[in-house]
Amino acid sequence: MDIPQQVTRFYGSTQFALDVISNKKIAFVHISLLNDPFDPYCFFETDFGDSYQNLIAYVKKSHPQDLRWFMAHVTPQGWGQAVRDLKKYLDKERSTGFILSTSAASSVLHPKDSLYMWGHYANGHRGLAIEFDTQALASAVRKNHEVENGKPSEESDVVITHPHFRRADLGRGC
């Protein structure tokens, strides 16, 4: 998995963005407060749900050469149990998770060049965007955790998702 070097955070309020810059502090939001109906769901939840048939249709369309192997090794019973286990785990993570929702550049488009992102997340093109260095940000999050809790954070507490997703989330999450 390639971790993006930088991520971009859009701010609909210039006051909030300027506060981030002047105070050098960011705010993580509890997952239950996100305004995007697709956050914080992982792709398998939205693309396949509980449906083994949807999963098989995806493999058949995207990886036809692997279909026979896949069906022999990923059974309906195994998939059903995996989905139940993952949902239980993700529900727990969602109940305790806080994120800084950001976007990573793809090979096709940098977030700063996305009219959709400016329109949707930057108050109709009136907001600001700040680019963060992911390593520096993750390091600052770990340091802050240690100062506030008197003990180091576990490495897995700061998650940077794969840049092929629409967003890269820093903090606990998918």
N, C-alpha and C. Protein backbone atom coordinates (compact mmCIF):
# COMPACT_ATOMS: atom_id res chain seq x y z
N MET A 1 0.85 -1.17 0.00
CA MET A 1 0.00 0.00 0.00
C MET A 1 0.89 1.23 0.00
N ASP A 2 0.66 2.14 -0.93
CA ASP A 2 1.41 3.38 -1.01
C ASP A 2 0.71 4.43 -0.16
N ILE A 3 1.46 4.97 0.80
CA ILE A 3 0.93 6.04 1.63
C ILE A 3 1.21 7.35 0.91
N PRO A 4 0.21 8.22 0.78
CA PRO A 4 0.46 9.50 0.12
C PRO A 4 1.41 10.36 0.96
N GLN A 5 2.25 11.12 0.29
CA GLN A 5 3.18 12.02 0.97
C GLN A 5 2.44 13.23 1.54
N GLN A 6 1.42 13.68 0.82
CA GLN A 6 0.63 14.82 1.25
C GLN A 6 -0.85 14.49 1.08
N VAL A 7 -1.64 15.13 1.92
CA VAL A 7 -3.09 15.06 1.79
C VAL A 7 -3.63 16.48 1.89
N THR A 8 -4.78 16.70 1.30
CA THR A 8 -5.39 18.03 1.27
C THR A 8 -6.69 18.01 2.06
N ARG A 9 -6.86 19.04 2.89
CA ARG A 9 -8.08 19.19 3.67
C ARG A 9 -8.76 20.47 3.20
N PHE A 10 -10.03 20.35 2.81
CA PHE A 10 -10.81 21.50 2.39
C PHE A 10 -11.57 22.05 3.59
N TYR A 11 -11.65 23.36 3.67
CA TYR A 11 -12.38 24.04 4.74
C TYR A 11 -13.43 24.95 4.11
N GLY A 12 -14.67 24.77 4.50
CA GLY A 12 -15.75 25.61 4.00
C GLY A 12 -15.72 26.98 4.63
N SER A 13 -15.16 27.08 5.81
CA SER A 13 -15.06 28.35 6.52
C SER A 13 -13.61 28.82 6.50
N THR A 14 -13.37 30.00 5.96
CA THR A 14 -12.00 30.52 5.97
C THR A 14 -11.53 30.76 7.40
N GLN A 15 -12.47 31.09 8.30
CA GLN A 15 -12.11 31.30 9.71
C GLN A 15 -11.52 30.02 10.30
N PHE A 16 -12.13 28.86 10.03
CA PHE A 16 -11.60 27.59 10.55
C PHE A 16 -10.22 27.30 9.97
N ALA A 17 -10.06 27.53 8.67
CA ALA A 17 -8.77 27.27 8.04
C ALA A 17 -7.68 28.18 8.60
N LEU A 18 -8.00 29.44 8.76
CA LEU A 18 -7.02 30.38 9.31
C LEU A 18 -6.68 30.04 10.77
N ASP A 19 -7.67 29.52 11.50
CA ASP A 19 -7.43 29.08 12.87
C ASP A 19 -6.44 27.91 12.90
N VAL A 20 -6.58 26.99 11.96
CA VAL A 20 -5.65 25.86 11.85
C VAL A 20 -4.24 26.37 11.61
N ILE A 21 -4.11 27.32 10.70
CA ILE A 21 -2.79 27.86 10.36
C ILE A 21 -2.20 28.65 11.52
N SER A 22 -2.97 29.54 12.11
CA SER A 22 -2.42 30.40 13.15
C SER A 22 -2.12 29.66 14.45
N ASN A 23 -2.94 28.67 14.79
CA ASN A 23 -2.73 27.93 16.04
C ASN A 23 -1.97 26.62 15.86
N LYS A 24 -1.77 26.24 14.59
CA LYS A 24 -1.09 24.97 14.28
C LYS A 24 -1.75 23.80 15.00
N LYS A 25 -3.07 23.79 14.97
CA LYS A 25 -3.85 22.73 15.59
C LYS A 25 -4.96 22.32 14.64
N ILE A 26 -5.22 21.02 14.60
CA ILE A 26 -6.32 20.50 13.79
C ILE A 26 -7.35 19.85 14.70
N ALA A 27 -8.54 19.70 14.20
CA ALA A 27 -9.60 19.07 14.97
C ALA A 27 -10.01 17.77 14.28
N PHE A 28 -10.00 16.69 15.04
CA PHE A 28 -10.53 15.42 14.56
C PHE A 28 -12.01 15.39 14.91
N VAL A 29 -12.80 14.83 14.03
CA VAL A 29 -14.25 14.80 14.20
C VAL A 29 -14.67 13.36 14.49
N HIS A 30 -15.60 13.21 15.44
CA HIS A 30 -16.12 11.87 15.70
C HIS A 30 -16.88 11.41 14.45
N ILE A 31 -16.71 10.17 14.13
CA ILE A 31 -17.27 9.61 12.91
C ILE A 31 -18.78 9.82 12.80
N SER A 32 -19.48 9.84 13.92
CA SER A 32 -20.94 10.02 13.89
C SER A 32 -21.35 11.41 13.42
N LEU A 33 -20.42 12.36 13.40
CA LEU A 33 -20.73 13.74 13.02
C LEU A 33 -20.40 14.06 11.57
N LEU A 34 -19.95 13.08 10.80
CA LEU A 34 -19.61 13.33 9.40
C LEU A 34 -20.85 13.66 8.59
N ASN A 35 -20.70 14.57 7.64
CA ASN A 35 -21.85 14.97 6.83
C ASN A 35 -21.93 14.24 5.50
N ASP A 36 -20.96 13.40 5.21
CA ASP A 36 -20.94 12.66 3.95
C ASP A 36 -21.59 11.30 4.19
N PRO A 37 -22.65 10.96 3.46
CA PRO A 37 -23.35 9.70 3.70
C PRO A 37 -22.50 8.46 3.39
N PHE A 38 -21.37 8.62 2.70
CA PHE A 38 -20.53 7.47 2.37
C PHE A 38 -19.41 7.28 3.38
N ASP A 39 -19.26 8.18 4.31
CA ASP A 39 -18.22 8.04 5.33
C ASP A 39 -18.87 7.54 6.59
N PRO A 40 -18.26 6.75 7.30
CA PRO A 40 -16.96 6.12 7.12
C PRO A 40 -17.09 4.66 6.74
N TYR A 41 -17.68 4.38 5.63
CA TYR A 41 -17.89 3.01 5.21
C TYR A 41 -16.79 2.56 4.27
N CYS A 42 -16.34 1.34 4.47
CA CYS A 42 -15.31 0.77 3.62
C CYS A 42 -15.97 0.23 2.35
N PHE A 43 -15.22 0.11 1.29
CA PHE A 43 -15.79 -0.25 -0.01
C PHE A 43 -16.58 -1.55 0.01
N PHE A 44 -16.15 -2.55 0.77
CA PHE A 44 -16.87 -3.83 0.71
C PHE A 44 -18.27 -3.68 1.27
N GLU A 45 -18.48 -2.75 2.22
CA GLU A 45 -19.80 -2.56 2.79
C GLU A 45 -20.76 -1.92 1.80
N THR A 46 -20.27 -0.98 1.04
CA THR A 46 -21.14 -0.28 0.10
C THR A 46 -21.26 -1.01 -1.23
N ASP A 47 -20.23 -1.76 -1.62
CA ASP A 47 -20.25 -2.44 -2.91
C ASP A 47 -20.86 -3.83 -2.87
N PHE A 48 -20.68 -4.57 -1.76
CA PHE A 48 -21.12 -5.95 -1.71
C PHE A 48 -22.17 -6.20 -0.63
N GLY A 49 -22.10 -5.47 0.47
CA GLY A 49 -23.02 -5.73 1.57
C GLY A 49 -22.87 -7.16 2.04
N ASP A 50 -23.98 -7.79 2.33
CA ASP A 50 -23.97 -9.20 2.77
C ASP A 50 -24.05 -10.15 1.58
N SER A 51 -24.10 -9.64 0.40
CA SER A 51 -24.40 -10.47 -0.77
C SER A 51 -23.18 -11.15 -1.36
N TYR A 52 -23.16 -12.45 -1.22
CA TYR A 52 -22.10 -13.26 -1.84
C TYR A 52 -22.21 -13.16 -3.36
N GLN A 53 -23.44 -13.08 -3.85
CA GLN A 53 -23.65 -12.99 -5.30
C GLN A 53 -23.07 -11.69 -5.87
N ASN A 54 -23.20 -10.58 -5.14
CA ASN A 54 -22.60 -9.32 -5.58
C ASN A 54 -21.08 -9.43 -5.63
N LEU A 55 -20.51 -10.11 -4.66
CA LEU A 55 -19.06 -10.32 -4.62
C LEU A 55 -18.62 -11.17 -5.82
N ILE A 56 -19.33 -12.25 -6.08
CA ILE A 56 -18.99 -13.13 -7.20
C ILE A 56 -19.14 -12.38 -8.53
N ALA A 57 -20.19 -11.58 -8.66
CA ALA A 57 -20.39 -10.79 -9.89
C ALA A 57 -19.23 -9.83 -10.11
N TYR A 58 -18.74 -9.24 -9.02
CA TYR A 58 -17.59 -8.33 -9.12
C TYR A 58 -16.34 -9.07 -9.58
N VAL A 59 -16.06 -10.21 -8.96
CA VAL A 59 -14.88 -10.99 -9.33
C VAL A 59 -15.00 -11.45 -10.78
N LYS A 60 -16.18 -11.91 -11.17
CA LYS A 60 -16.40 -12.38 -12.54
C LYS A 60 -16.14 -11.26 -13.55
N LYS A 61 -16.59 -10.06 -13.23
CA LYS A 61 -16.41 -8.93 -14.15
C LYS A 61 -14.98 -8.40 -14.13
N SER A 62 -14.39 -8.26 -12.95
CA SER A 62 -13.09 -7.60 -12.81
C SER A 62 -11.89 -8.53 -12.89
N HIS A 63 -12.10 -9.79 -12.50
CA HIS A 63 -11.00 -10.75 -12.47
C HIS A 63 -11.47 -12.12 -12.96
N PRO A 64 -11.97 -12.22 -14.18
CA PRO A 64 -12.56 -13.48 -14.65
C PRO A 64 -11.59 -14.65 -14.61
N GLN A 65 -10.32 -14.39 -14.79
CA GLN A 65 -9.33 -15.47 -14.76
C GLN A 65 -9.20 -16.08 -13.36
N ASP A 66 -9.62 -15.37 -12.34
CA ASP A 66 -9.49 -15.86 -10.96
C ASP A 66 -10.80 -16.40 -10.39
N LEU A 67 -11.87 -16.37 -11.16
CA LEU A 67 -13.18 -16.73 -10.64
C LEU A 67 -13.22 -18.14 -10.07
N ARG A 68 -12.71 -19.11 -10.80
CA ARG A 68 -12.77 -20.50 -10.34
C ARG A 68 -12.02 -20.65 -9.00
N TRP A 69 -10.81 -20.14 -8.95
CA TRP A 69 -10.02 -20.21 -7.70
C TRP A 69 -10.77 -19.51 -6.58
N PHE A 70 -11.30 -18.32 -6.86
CA PHE A 70 -11.98 -17.53 -5.85
C PHE A 70 -13.18 -18.28 -5.27
N MET A 71 -14.01 -18.86 -6.14
CA MET A 71 -15.19 -19.57 -5.67
C MET A 71 -14.82 -20.81 -4.86
N ALA A 72 -13.71 -21.44 -5.19
CA ALA A 72 -13.27 -22.62 -4.44
C ALA A 72 -12.74 -22.24 -3.05
N HIS A 73 -12.14 -21.05 -2.94
CA HIS A 73 -11.50 -20.66 -1.68
C HIS A 73 -12.32 -19.69 -0.84
N VAL A 74 -13.25 -18.98 -1.46
CA VAL A 74 -14.12 -18.06 -0.72
C VAL A 74 -15.55 -18.57 -0.87
N THR A 75 -15.97 -19.35 0.10
CA THR A 75 -17.29 -19.98 0.05
C THR A 75 -18.36 -19.01 0.58
N PRO A 76 -19.63 -19.29 0.27
CA PRO A 76 -20.69 -18.43 0.82
C PRO A 76 -20.66 -18.39 2.36
N GLN A 77 -20.38 -19.55 2.98
CA GLN A 77 -20.34 -19.58 4.44
C GLN A 77 -19.14 -18.77 4.97
N GLY A 78 -17.99 -18.94 4.33
CA GLY A 78 -16.80 -18.20 4.75
C GLY A 78 -16.98 -16.70 4.57
N TRP A 79 -17.58 -16.31 3.43
CA TRP A 79 -17.83 -14.89 3.19
C TRP A 79 -18.81 -14.33 4.21
N GLY A 80 -19.86 -15.08 4.51
CA GLY A 80 -20.85 -14.62 5.48
C GLY A 80 -20.24 -14.39 6.85
N GLN A 81 -19.38 -15.31 7.29
CA GLN A 81 -18.73 -15.14 8.59
C GLN A 81 -17.75 -13.98 8.56
N ALA A 82 -17.03 -13.82 7.47
CA ALA A 82 -16.08 -12.70 7.35
C ALA A 82 -16.83 -11.37 7.41
N VAL A 83 -17.97 -11.28 6.73
CA VAL A 83 -18.76 -10.05 6.75
C VAL A 83 -19.24 -9.75 8.17
N ARG A 84 -19.75 -10.77 8.87
CA ARG A 84 -20.21 -10.56 10.24
C ARG A 84 -19.07 -10.11 11.14
N ASP A 85 -17.92 -10.74 11.02
CA ASP A 85 -16.76 -10.36 11.84
C ASP A 85 -16.29 -8.94 11.53
N LEU A 86 -16.22 -8.61 10.23
CA LEU A 86 -15.79 -7.27 9.84
C LEU A 86 -16.79 -6.20 10.29
N LYS A 87 -18.07 -6.47 10.16
CA LYS A 87 -19.07 -5.50 10.59
C LYS A 87 -18.96 -5.24 12.09
N LYS A 88 -18.77 -6.29 12.84
CA LYS A 88 -18.63 -6.14 14.29
C LYS A 88 -17.41 -5.28 14.62
N TYR A 89 -16.30 -5.57 13.96
CA TYR A 89 -15.07 -4.80 14.17
C TYR A 89 -15.25 -3.35 13.74
N LEU A 90 -15.81 -3.13 12.55
CA LEU A 90 -15.96 -1.77 12.04
C LEU A 90 -16.98 -0.97 12.85
N ASP A 91 -18.04 -1.60 13.32
CA ASP A 91 -18.99 -0.90 14.18
C ASP A 91 -18.31 -0.41 15.45
N LYS A 92 -17.42 -1.23 16.02
CA LYS A 92 -16.66 -0.82 17.20
C LYS A 92 -15.75 0.35 16.85
N GLU A 93 -15.06 0.26 15.73
CA GLU A 93 -14.17 1.34 15.31
C GLU A 93 -14.96 2.63 15.07
N ARG A 94 -16.13 2.51 14.45
CA ARG A 94 -16.94 3.70 14.18
C ARG A 94 -17.46 4.33 15.46
N SER A 95 -17.70 3.53 16.48
CA SER A 95 -18.21 4.10 17.73
C SER A 95 -17.12 4.84 18.50
N THR A 96 -15.87 4.56 18.21
CA THR A 96 -14.76 5.20 18.95
C THR A 96 -13.85 6.03 18.05
N GLY A 97 -14.15 6.09 16.76
CA GLY A 97 -13.22 6.70 15.82
C GLY A 97 -13.37 8.20 15.64
N PHE A 98 -12.25 8.85 15.48
CA PHE A 98 -12.17 10.28 15.15
C PHE A 98 -11.26 10.40 13.94
N ILE A 99 -11.64 11.26 12.99
CA ILE A 99 -10.85 11.39 11.78
C ILE A 99 -10.65 12.85 11.37
N LEU A 100 -9.62 13.04 10.60
CA LEU A 100 -9.42 14.27 9.84
C LEU A 100 -9.62 13.86 8.40
N SER A 101 -10.71 14.26 7.83
CA SER A 101 -11.06 13.81 6.49
C SER A 101 -10.30 14.64 5.47
N THR A 102 -9.52 13.96 4.65
CA THR A 102 -8.66 14.62 3.68
C THR A 102 -8.75 13.90 2.33
N SER A 103 -8.12 14.47 1.34
CA SER A 103 -8.06 13.86 0.01
C SER A 103 -6.60 13.75 -0.42
N ALA A 104 -6.29 12.67 -1.11
CA ALA A 104 -4.94 12.47 -1.63
C ALA A 104 -4.96 12.62 -3.15
N ALA A 105 -3.85 13.05 -3.68
CA ALA A 105 -3.72 13.16 -5.13
C ALA A 105 -3.71 11.77 -5.75
N SER A 106 -4.32 11.65 -6.90
CA SER A 106 -4.24 10.42 -7.67
C SER A 106 -3.30 10.67 -8.85
N SER A 107 -3.08 9.66 -9.65
CA SER A 107 -2.23 9.84 -10.82
C SER A 107 -2.91 10.73 -11.86
N VAL A 108 -4.21 10.93 -11.70
CA VAL A 108 -4.99 11.70 -12.67
C VAL A 108 -5.26 13.13 -12.20
N LEU A 109 -5.51 13.31 -10.89
CA LEU A 109 -5.98 14.60 -10.42
C LEU A 109 -5.49 14.89 -9.00
N HIS A 110 -5.04 16.12 -8.79
CA HIS A 110 -4.71 16.59 -7.44
C HIS A 110 -5.98 17.21 -6.87
N PRO A 111 -6.25 17.02 -5.58
CA PRO A 111 -7.48 17.58 -5.01
C PRO A 111 -7.65 19.07 -5.26
N LYS A 112 -6.56 19.83 -5.26
CA LYS A 112 -6.68 21.28 -5.47
C LYS A 112 -7.24 21.62 -6.86
N ASP A 113 -7.16 20.68 -7.78
CA ASP A 113 -7.66 20.89 -9.14
C ASP A 113 -9.06 20.33 -9.36
N SER A 114 -9.68 19.83 -8.31
CA SER A 114 -11.00 19.21 -8.43
C SER A 114 -12.10 20.23 -8.14
N LEU A 115 -12.84 20.59 -9.17
CA LEU A 115 -13.95 21.52 -8.99
C LEU A 115 -15.01 20.95 -8.05
N TYR A 116 -15.20 19.63 -8.11
CA TYR A 116 -16.17 18.98 -7.22
C TYR A 116 -15.77 19.19 -5.76
N MET A 117 -14.51 18.94 -5.44
CA MET A 117 -14.05 19.08 -4.05
C MET A 117 -14.20 20.52 -3.57
N TRP A 118 -13.83 21.47 -4.42
CA TRP A 118 -13.98 22.88 -4.05
C TRP A 118 -15.45 23.23 -3.85
N GLY A 119 -16.29 22.74 -4.73
CA GLY A 119 -17.71 23.05 -4.63
C GLY A 119 -18.38 22.40 -3.44
N HIS A 120 -18.07 21.15 -3.21
CA HIS A 120 -18.75 20.39 -2.17
C HIS A 120 -18.18 20.63 -0.77
N TYR A 121 -16.86 20.64 -0.65
CA TYR A 121 -16.23 20.70 0.67
C TYR A 121 -15.66 22.07 1.02
N ALA A 122 -15.59 22.99 0.07
CA ALA A 122 -15.02 24.31 0.34
C ALA A 122 -16.08 25.40 0.12
N ASN A 123 -17.29 25.11 0.56
CA ASN A 123 -18.36 26.11 0.58
C ASN A 123 -18.57 26.76 -0.79
N GLY A 124 -18.78 25.95 -1.78
CA GLY A 124 -19.06 26.48 -3.12
C GLY A 124 -17.93 27.32 -3.67
N HIS A 125 -16.70 26.85 -3.50
CA HIS A 125 -15.49 27.51 -4.01
C HIS A 125 -15.10 28.76 -3.22
N ARG A 126 -15.68 28.95 -2.04
CA ARG A 126 -15.37 30.14 -1.24
C ARG A 126 -14.45 29.82 -0.06
N GLY A 127 -14.13 28.55 0.14
CA GLY A 127 -13.32 28.16 1.28
C GLY A 127 -11.83 28.10 0.94
N LEU A 128 -11.11 27.39 1.78
CA LEU A 128 -9.67 27.22 1.61
C LEU A 128 -9.32 25.74 1.64
N ALA A 129 -8.15 25.43 1.12
CA ALA A 129 -7.62 24.07 1.18
C ALA A 129 -6.21 24.16 1.76
N ILE A 130 -5.89 23.24 2.65
CA ILE A 130 -4.56 23.18 3.26
C ILE A 130 -3.98 21.81 2.95
N GLU A 131 -2.73 21.79 2.50
CA GLU A 131 -2.06 20.53 2.23
C GLU A 131 -1.19 20.17 3.43
N PHE A 132 -1.30 18.91 3.88
CA PHE A 132 -0.55 18.43 5.03
C PHE A 132 0.44 17.36 4.60
N ASP A 133 1.60 17.34 5.24
CA ASP A 133 2.57 16.27 5.09
C ASP A 133 2.10 15.13 5.99
N THR A 134 1.83 13.97 5.42
CA THR A 134 1.22 12.88 6.20
C THR A 134 2.14 12.36 7.30
N GLN A 135 3.43 12.27 7.04
CA GLN A 135 4.34 11.77 8.07
C GLN A 135 4.43 12.74 9.24
N ALA A 136 4.52 14.03 8.94
CA ALA A 136 4.59 15.04 10.00
C ALA A 136 3.28 15.07 10.79
N LEU A 137 2.16 14.93 10.09
CA LEU A 137 0.87 14.95 10.75
C LEU A 137 0.70 13.72 11.65
N ALA A 138 1.04 12.56 11.15
CA ALA A 138 0.93 11.34 11.97
C ALA A 138 1.84 11.42 13.18
N SER A 139 3.03 11.96 13.00
CA SER A 139 3.97 12.12 14.12
C SER A 139 3.40 13.07 15.17
N ALA A 140 2.81 14.18 14.73
CA ALA A 140 2.22 15.14 15.66
C ALA A 140 1.05 14.53 16.42
N VAL A 141 0.25 13.70 15.74
CA VAL A 141 -0.88 13.04 16.39
C VAL A 141 -0.37 12.10 17.49
N ARG A 142 0.66 11.32 17.17
CA ARG A 142 1.23 10.40 18.17
C ARG A 142 1.82 11.16 19.37
N LYS A 143 2.53 12.25 19.08
CA LYS A 143 3.13 13.06 20.15
C LYS A 143 2.05 13.65 21.03
N ASN A 144 1.00 14.19 20.43
CA ASN A 144 -0.11 14.76 21.19
C ASN A 144 -0.78 13.70 22.06
N HIS A 145 -0.97 12.51 21.50
CA HIS A 145 -1.57 11.41 22.28
C HIS A 145 -0.72 11.10 23.51
N GLU A 146 0.59 11.04 23.32
CA GLU A 146 1.48 10.73 24.44
C GLU A 146 1.42 11.81 25.52
N VAL A 147 1.40 13.07 25.10
CA VAL A 147 1.33 14.18 26.06
C VAL A 147 0.02 14.14 26.83
N GLU A 148 -1.09 13.90 26.12
CA GLU A 148 -2.40 13.92 26.76
C GLU A 148 -2.71 12.68 27.58
N ASN A 149 -2.12 11.54 27.21
CA ASN A 149 -2.45 10.27 27.88
C ASN A 149 -1.33 9.70 28.73
N GLY A 150 -0.16 10.32 28.68
CA GLY A 150 0.96 9.85 29.48
C GLY A 150 1.57 8.55 29.00
N LYS A 151 1.21 8.12 27.82
CA LYS A 151 1.78 6.91 27.24
C LYS A 151 1.74 7.02 25.73
N PRO A 152 2.66 6.34 25.06
CA PRO A 152 2.67 6.41 23.59
C PRO A 152 1.45 5.76 22.98
N SER A 153 1.07 6.26 21.83
CA SER A 153 -0.01 5.67 21.06
C SER A 153 0.53 4.46 20.33
N GLU A 154 -0.34 3.46 20.15
CA GLU A 154 0.08 2.33 19.33
C GLU A 154 0.11 2.76 17.88
N GLU A 155 1.03 2.21 17.10
CA GLU A 155 1.19 2.57 15.68
C GLU A 155 -0.13 2.50 14.93
N SER A 156 -0.97 1.52 15.24
CA SER A 156 -2.20 1.34 14.50
C SER A 156 -3.26 2.39 14.82
N ASP A 157 -3.02 3.23 15.81
CA ASP A 157 -4.00 4.26 16.15
C ASP A 157 -4.07 5.37 15.12
N VAL A 158 -3.03 5.53 14.28
CA VAL A 158 -3.06 6.53 13.23
C VAL A 158 -3.09 5.77 11.91
N VAL A 159 -4.18 5.90 11.20
CA VAL A 159 -4.38 5.14 9.97
C VAL A 159 -4.42 6.10 8.79
N ILE A 160 -3.65 5.79 7.77
CA ILE A 160 -3.72 6.55 6.53
C ILE A 160 -4.16 5.56 5.47
N THR A 161 -5.35 5.78 4.91
CA THR A 161 -5.86 4.81 3.96
C THR A 161 -5.20 4.96 2.61
N HIS A 162 -5.41 3.98 1.80
CA HIS A 162 -4.80 3.91 0.48
C HIS A 162 -5.28 5.07 -0.40
N PRO A 163 -4.38 5.70 -1.16
CA PRO A 163 -4.77 6.86 -1.96
C PRO A 163 -5.73 6.55 -3.10
N HIS A 164 -5.97 5.29 -3.41
CA HIS A 164 -6.94 4.98 -4.46
C HIS A 164 -8.37 5.20 -3.99
N PHE A 165 -8.57 5.32 -2.67
CA PHE A 165 -9.88 5.68 -2.19
C PHE A 165 -10.06 7.18 -2.42
N ARG A 166 -11.29 7.61 -2.44
CA ARG A 166 -11.56 9.02 -2.69
C ARG A 166 -10.94 9.89 -1.61
N ARG A 167 -10.87 9.38 -0.42
CA ARG A 167 -10.32 10.15 0.69
C ARG A 167 -9.24 9.36 1.40
N ALA A 168 -8.35 10.07 1.99
CA ALA A 168 -7.38 9.45 2.89
C ALA A 168 -7.71 10.00 4.26
N ASP A 169 -7.96 9.13 5.20
CA ASP A 169 -8.36 9.57 6.52
C ASP A 169 -7.23 9.34 7.49
N LEU A 170 -6.92 10.36 8.25
CA LEU A 170 -5.92 10.25 9.30
C LEU A 170 -6.68 10.15 10.61
N GLY A 171 -6.28 9.24 11.44
CA GLY A 171 -6.99 8.97 12.68
C GLY A 171 -7.49 7.54 12.64
N ARG A 172 -8.26 7.16 13.58
CA ARG A 172 -8.76 5.79 13.61
C ARG A 172 -9.89 5.68 12.61
N GLY A 173 -9.91 4.66 11.82
CA GLY A 173 -10.97 4.49 10.84
C GLY A 173 -10.70 3.36 9.89
N CYS A 174 -11.35 3.35 8.73
CA CYS A 174 -11.20 2.27 7.74
C CYS A 174 -9.91 2.40 6.99
